[in-house]
N, C-alpha and C. Protein backbone atom coordinates (compact mmCIF):
# COMPACT_ATOMS: atom_id res chain seq x y z
N MET A 1 60.68 90.86 108.71
CA MET A 1 61.23 89.88 109.62
C MET A 1 60.24 89.70 110.77
N ASP A 2 59.96 88.45 111.09
CA ASP A 2 59.03 88.18 112.17
C ASP A 2 59.69 88.40 113.53
N HIS A 3 58.86 88.40 114.55
CA HIS A 3 59.34 88.71 115.90
C HIS A 3 60.37 87.69 116.38
N ARG A 4 60.16 86.42 116.07
CA ARG A 4 61.09 85.37 116.48
C ARG A 4 62.46 85.58 115.84
N ALA A 5 62.48 85.89 114.56
CA ALA A 5 63.76 86.11 113.87
C ALA A 5 64.48 87.33 114.45
N GLU A 6 63.74 88.36 114.81
CA GLU A 6 64.36 89.54 115.42
C GLU A 6 64.99 89.19 116.77
N ARG A 7 64.29 88.40 117.56
CA ARG A 7 64.83 87.99 118.87
C ARG A 7 66.09 87.14 118.70
N ILE A 8 66.07 86.23 117.74
CA ILE A 8 67.25 85.38 117.49
C ILE A 8 68.41 86.24 117.01
N THR A 9 68.13 87.15 116.10
CA THR A 9 69.17 88.03 115.57
C THR A 9 69.82 88.85 116.68
N GLU A 10 69.00 89.44 117.52
CA GLU A 10 69.53 90.27 118.60
C GLU A 10 70.31 89.44 119.62
N ALA A 11 69.81 88.26 119.95
CA ALA A 11 70.51 87.39 120.90
C ALA A 11 71.86 86.95 120.33
N LEU A 12 71.89 86.59 119.07
CA LEU A 12 73.15 86.21 118.44
C LEU A 12 74.14 87.37 118.42
N ARG A 13 73.66 88.56 118.08
CA ARG A 13 74.55 89.73 118.04
C ARG A 13 75.15 90.01 119.40
N GLU A 14 74.33 89.99 120.44
CA GLU A 14 74.82 90.27 121.80
C GLU A 14 75.84 89.22 122.26
N GLU A 15 75.52 87.96 122.07
CA GLU A 15 76.41 86.90 122.53
C GLU A 15 77.71 86.87 121.72
N LEU A 16 77.62 87.05 120.40
CA LEU A 16 78.83 87.06 119.58
C LEU A 16 79.71 88.25 119.92
N ALA A 17 79.09 89.40 120.18
CA ALA A 17 79.88 90.58 120.56
C ALA A 17 80.65 90.31 121.84
N GLU A 18 80.01 89.67 122.80
CA GLU A 18 80.69 89.36 124.06
C GLU A 18 81.78 88.30 123.84
N LEU A 19 81.47 87.26 123.09
CA LEU A 19 82.45 86.20 122.85
C LEU A 19 83.67 86.72 122.10
N ILE A 20 83.45 87.47 121.03
CA ILE A 20 84.56 87.97 120.23
C ILE A 20 85.34 89.04 120.98
N GLY A 21 84.63 89.89 121.68
CA GLY A 21 85.29 90.98 122.38
C GLY A 21 86.07 90.57 123.61
N TYR A 22 85.58 89.54 124.33
CA TYR A 22 86.18 89.24 125.63
C TYR A 22 86.72 87.84 125.79
N GLU A 23 86.27 86.87 125.00
CA GLU A 23 86.65 85.50 125.28
C GLU A 23 87.57 84.87 124.24
N LEU A 24 87.70 85.47 123.08
CA LEU A 24 88.66 84.96 122.10
C LEU A 24 90.02 85.58 122.38
N SER A 25 91.04 84.74 122.41
CA SER A 25 92.37 85.26 122.72
C SER A 25 93.30 85.26 121.51
N ASP A 26 92.76 85.13 120.32
CA ASP A 26 93.58 85.12 119.11
C ASP A 26 94.06 86.54 118.82
N PRO A 27 95.37 86.78 118.75
CA PRO A 27 95.88 88.13 118.52
C PRO A 27 95.56 88.67 117.12
N ARG A 28 95.19 87.79 116.19
CA ARG A 28 94.85 88.26 114.84
C ARG A 28 93.52 89.00 114.81
N ILE A 29 92.68 88.78 115.81
CA ILE A 29 91.36 89.41 115.81
C ILE A 29 91.46 90.88 116.18
N GLY A 30 92.33 91.24 117.08
CA GLY A 30 92.48 92.65 117.44
C GLY A 30 91.20 93.22 118.03
N SER A 31 90.85 94.40 117.59
CA SER A 31 89.65 95.05 118.12
C SER A 31 88.53 94.97 117.08
N ALA A 32 87.95 93.80 116.96
CA ALA A 32 86.82 93.59 116.04
C ALA A 32 85.52 93.78 116.82
N THR A 33 84.55 94.41 116.17
CA THR A 33 83.27 94.69 116.79
C THR A 33 82.15 94.14 115.92
N VAL A 34 81.24 93.39 116.52
CA VAL A 34 80.10 92.87 115.78
C VAL A 34 79.11 94.02 115.60
N THR A 35 78.83 94.37 114.35
CA THR A 35 77.91 95.48 114.07
C THR A 35 76.52 95.02 113.69
N GLU A 36 76.43 93.85 113.07
CA GLU A 36 75.11 93.41 112.60
C GLU A 36 75.13 91.89 112.41
N VAL A 37 73.98 91.29 112.64
CA VAL A 37 73.77 89.87 112.35
C VAL A 37 72.49 89.76 111.55
N GLN A 38 72.54 89.02 110.45
CA GLN A 38 71.35 88.76 109.65
C GLN A 38 71.14 87.26 109.58
N VAL A 39 69.96 86.83 110.00
CA VAL A 39 69.62 85.41 110.00
C VAL A 39 68.76 85.11 108.79
N SER A 40 69.05 84.01 108.10
CA SER A 40 68.26 83.62 106.93
C SER A 40 66.84 83.26 107.36
N PRO A 41 65.89 83.30 106.44
CA PRO A 41 64.49 82.98 106.80
C PRO A 41 64.31 81.58 107.40
N ASP A 42 65.12 80.61 106.97
CA ASP A 42 65.01 79.27 107.54
C ASP A 42 65.83 79.11 108.83
N LYS A 43 66.51 80.16 109.22
CA LYS A 43 67.29 80.24 110.47
C LYS A 43 68.44 79.22 110.52
N LYS A 44 68.92 78.79 109.35
CA LYS A 44 70.04 77.85 109.30
C LYS A 44 71.38 78.57 109.12
N HIS A 45 71.35 79.81 108.64
CA HIS A 45 72.57 80.56 108.38
C HIS A 45 72.45 81.95 108.98
N ALA A 46 73.58 82.47 109.43
CA ALA A 46 73.63 83.82 109.96
C ALA A 46 74.87 84.51 109.42
N VAL A 47 74.67 85.68 108.83
CA VAL A 47 75.78 86.50 108.34
C VAL A 47 76.13 87.48 109.45
N VAL A 48 77.37 87.43 109.90
CA VAL A 48 77.84 88.29 110.99
C VAL A 48 78.75 89.34 110.38
N ARG A 49 78.34 90.62 110.48
CA ARG A 49 79.18 91.71 109.97
C ARG A 49 80.03 92.23 111.11
N VAL A 50 81.32 92.35 110.82
CA VAL A 50 82.29 92.72 111.85
C VAL A 50 83.05 93.96 111.38
N ALA A 51 83.09 94.98 112.23
CA ALA A 51 83.89 96.17 111.96
C ALA A 51 85.29 95.93 112.51
N VAL A 52 86.27 96.16 111.66
CA VAL A 52 87.66 95.93 112.03
C VAL A 52 88.34 97.27 112.19
N ALA A 53 89.15 97.41 113.22
CA ALA A 53 89.87 98.66 113.45
C ALA A 53 90.78 98.96 112.27
N ALA A 54 91.03 100.24 112.04
CA ALA A 54 91.82 100.68 110.88
C ALA A 54 93.25 100.14 110.93
N ASP A 55 93.78 99.93 112.11
CA ASP A 55 95.16 99.45 112.22
C ASP A 55 95.26 97.92 112.08
N SER A 56 94.15 97.23 111.93
CA SER A 56 94.14 95.77 111.79
C SER A 56 93.90 95.39 110.33
N ASP A 57 94.32 94.18 109.99
CA ASP A 57 94.10 93.64 108.66
C ASP A 57 92.76 92.91 108.65
N ALA A 58 91.82 93.36 107.82
CA ALA A 58 90.47 92.78 107.80
C ALA A 58 90.50 91.32 107.37
N ALA A 59 91.31 90.99 106.37
CA ALA A 59 91.36 89.61 105.88
C ALA A 59 91.90 88.68 106.96
N GLU A 60 92.89 89.13 107.70
CA GLU A 60 93.46 88.31 108.77
C GLU A 60 92.46 88.13 109.91
N THR A 61 91.74 89.19 110.23
CA THR A 61 90.72 89.11 111.28
C THR A 61 89.62 88.14 110.88
N LEU A 62 89.14 88.23 109.63
CA LEU A 62 88.09 87.33 109.17
C LEU A 62 88.58 85.88 109.14
N ALA A 63 89.85 85.67 108.78
CA ALA A 63 90.40 84.32 108.79
C ALA A 63 90.44 83.76 110.22
N ALA A 64 90.79 84.60 111.18
CA ALA A 64 90.81 84.17 112.58
C ALA A 64 89.41 83.84 113.08
N LEU A 65 88.43 84.63 112.67
CA LEU A 65 87.05 84.35 113.07
C LEU A 65 86.53 83.07 112.43
N GLU A 66 86.89 82.83 111.18
CA GLU A 66 86.51 81.58 110.52
C GLU A 66 87.14 80.39 111.26
N HIS A 67 88.37 80.55 111.70
CA HIS A 67 89.04 79.50 112.45
C HIS A 67 88.34 79.25 113.79
N ALA A 68 87.80 80.28 114.39
CA ALA A 68 87.15 80.18 115.70
C ALA A 68 85.67 79.82 115.59
N ARG A 69 85.17 79.65 114.38
CA ARG A 69 83.73 79.39 114.19
C ARG A 69 83.21 78.20 114.99
N PRO A 70 83.88 77.03 115.00
CA PRO A 70 83.34 75.92 115.80
C PRO A 70 83.25 76.25 117.29
N PHE A 71 84.26 76.92 117.82
CA PHE A 71 84.23 77.34 119.23
C PHE A 71 83.05 78.28 119.48
N LEU A 72 82.86 79.24 118.59
CA LEU A 72 81.77 80.21 118.77
C LEU A 72 80.40 79.51 118.72
N ARG A 73 80.22 78.57 117.81
CA ARG A 73 78.95 77.85 117.73
C ARG A 73 78.70 77.01 118.99
N ARG A 74 79.73 76.38 119.52
CA ARG A 74 79.58 75.60 120.76
C ARG A 74 79.18 76.51 121.91
N GLN A 75 79.83 77.67 122.00
CA GLN A 75 79.51 78.61 123.07
C GLN A 75 78.08 79.14 122.92
N LEU A 76 77.67 79.42 121.69
CA LEU A 76 76.29 79.88 121.47
C LEU A 76 75.29 78.80 121.85
N ALA A 77 75.60 77.54 121.53
CA ALA A 77 74.71 76.44 121.88
C ALA A 77 74.56 76.31 123.39
N ALA A 78 75.63 76.58 124.12
CA ALA A 78 75.57 76.49 125.58
C ALA A 78 74.82 77.67 126.19
N ARG A 79 74.88 78.83 125.54
CA ARG A 79 74.30 80.05 126.11
C ARG A 79 72.86 80.31 125.69
N LEU A 80 72.50 79.89 124.49
CA LEU A 80 71.17 80.18 123.95
C LEU A 80 70.32 78.91 123.92
N THR A 81 69.04 79.08 124.11
CA THR A 81 68.14 77.93 124.06
C THR A 81 67.47 77.90 122.68
N LEU A 82 68.25 77.52 121.69
CA LEU A 82 67.74 77.41 120.33
C LEU A 82 67.79 75.95 119.90
N PHE A 83 66.83 75.56 119.09
CA PHE A 83 66.82 74.19 118.57
C PHE A 83 68.03 73.94 117.69
N ARG A 84 68.36 74.92 116.85
CA ARG A 84 69.50 74.81 115.94
C ARG A 84 70.27 76.12 115.95
N ILE A 85 71.56 76.03 116.18
CA ILE A 85 72.42 77.20 116.09
C ILE A 85 72.76 77.40 114.62
N PRO A 86 72.53 78.60 114.10
CA PRO A 86 72.80 78.81 112.67
C PRO A 86 74.29 78.70 112.34
N GLU A 87 74.56 78.32 111.11
CA GLU A 87 75.92 78.29 110.58
C GLU A 87 76.38 79.74 110.45
N LEU A 88 77.54 80.09 110.97
CA LEU A 88 78.01 81.47 110.99
C LEU A 88 78.87 81.76 109.76
N HIS A 89 78.62 82.92 109.16
CA HIS A 89 79.41 83.40 108.03
C HIS A 89 79.84 84.82 108.36
N PHE A 90 81.14 85.07 108.35
CA PHE A 90 81.67 86.37 108.74
C PHE A 90 81.98 87.23 107.53
N GLU A 91 81.64 88.52 107.62
CA GLU A 91 81.93 89.50 106.58
C GLU A 91 82.46 90.77 107.25
N ALA A 92 83.33 91.46 106.54
CA ALA A 92 83.80 92.76 107.03
C ALA A 92 82.70 93.78 106.81
N ASP A 93 82.47 94.62 107.79
CA ASP A 93 81.46 95.68 107.67
C ASP A 93 82.12 96.87 106.99
N VAL A 94 81.81 97.07 105.72
CA VAL A 94 82.45 98.13 104.96
C VAL A 94 81.83 99.49 105.23
N SER A 95 80.67 99.54 105.83
CA SER A 95 80.04 100.83 106.08
C SER A 95 80.87 101.67 107.05
N THR A 96 81.50 101.03 108.04
CA THR A 96 82.31 101.80 108.99
C THR A 96 83.59 102.28 108.33
N THR A 97 84.19 101.46 107.48
CA THR A 97 85.42 101.90 106.82
C THR A 97 85.10 102.96 105.77
N LEU A 98 83.97 102.82 105.10
CA LEU A 98 83.58 103.84 104.13
C LEU A 98 83.26 105.16 104.82
N GLY A 99 82.63 105.07 105.99
CA GLY A 99 82.33 106.29 106.74
C GLY A 99 83.59 107.02 107.16
N GLY A 100 84.58 106.27 107.61
CA GLY A 100 85.86 106.87 107.99
C GLY A 100 86.56 107.47 106.79
N ARG A 101 86.49 106.80 105.66
CA ARG A 101 87.12 107.30 104.43
C ARG A 101 86.42 108.57 103.96
N MET A 102 85.10 108.59 104.03
CA MET A 102 84.35 109.78 103.62
C MET A 102 84.70 110.96 104.52
N GLU A 103 84.80 110.71 105.81
CA GLU A 103 85.16 111.78 106.74
C GLU A 103 86.54 112.33 106.41
N HIS A 104 87.47 111.46 106.11
CA HIS A 104 88.83 111.87 105.74
C HIS A 104 88.81 112.72 104.47
N LEU A 105 88.05 112.29 103.48
CA LEU A 105 87.97 113.04 102.22
C LEU A 105 87.31 114.40 102.41
N LEU A 106 86.28 114.45 103.24
CA LEU A 106 85.62 115.73 103.51
C LEU A 106 86.56 116.70 104.23
N LYS A 107 87.38 116.20 105.12
CA LYS A 107 88.35 117.05 105.80
C LYS A 107 89.36 117.60 104.80
N ARG A 108 89.80 116.75 103.88
CA ARG A 108 90.76 117.21 102.86
C ARG A 108 90.13 118.27 101.96
N ILE A 109 88.88 118.07 101.60
CA ILE A 109 88.20 119.05 100.76
C ILE A 109 88.06 120.37 101.51
N HIS A 110 87.68 120.27 102.78
CA HIS A 110 87.49 121.48 103.59
C HIS A 110 88.80 122.24 103.75
N LYS A 111 89.91 121.55 103.92
CA LYS A 111 91.22 122.22 104.07
C LYS A 111 91.65 122.89 102.78
N GLY A 112 91.24 122.36 101.65
CA GLY A 112 91.66 122.91 100.36
C GLY A 112 90.90 124.17 99.94
N ARG A 113 89.82 124.48 100.60
CA ARG A 113 89.02 125.64 100.22
C ARG A 113 89.62 126.92 100.82
N PRO A 114 89.62 127.99 100.06
CA PRO A 114 90.09 129.27 100.62
C PRO A 114 89.09 129.79 101.65
N ARG A 115 89.60 130.53 102.60
CA ARG A 115 88.71 131.11 103.63
C ARG A 115 87.94 132.27 103.05
N GLU A 116 86.72 132.38 103.46
CA GLU A 116 85.88 133.47 102.96
C GLU A 116 85.69 134.53 104.02
């Protein structure tokens, strides 16, 4: 990834994290956290990975973010000095949920072992 793409990726991640965390008032979003943004080589598309809290429904959160996509793009256009704001595509970040699941399984395995 070239330096320009890295700067765009980081700027998008920071601004989206702030917008989703503090400025969206949709109750379906809950406590969603932007974990990663990947911009396509032509900079027309950006995949935004979002970690969803365990007590929230990931599909509902992603649907709310898809609904808020035009608002988010307008806000990004106002905040960033980019020629073209990439089209946003939201995905659930499964690495955080897998990490939590692995931790839970390891605790269960550890409890099942006899003490030595």
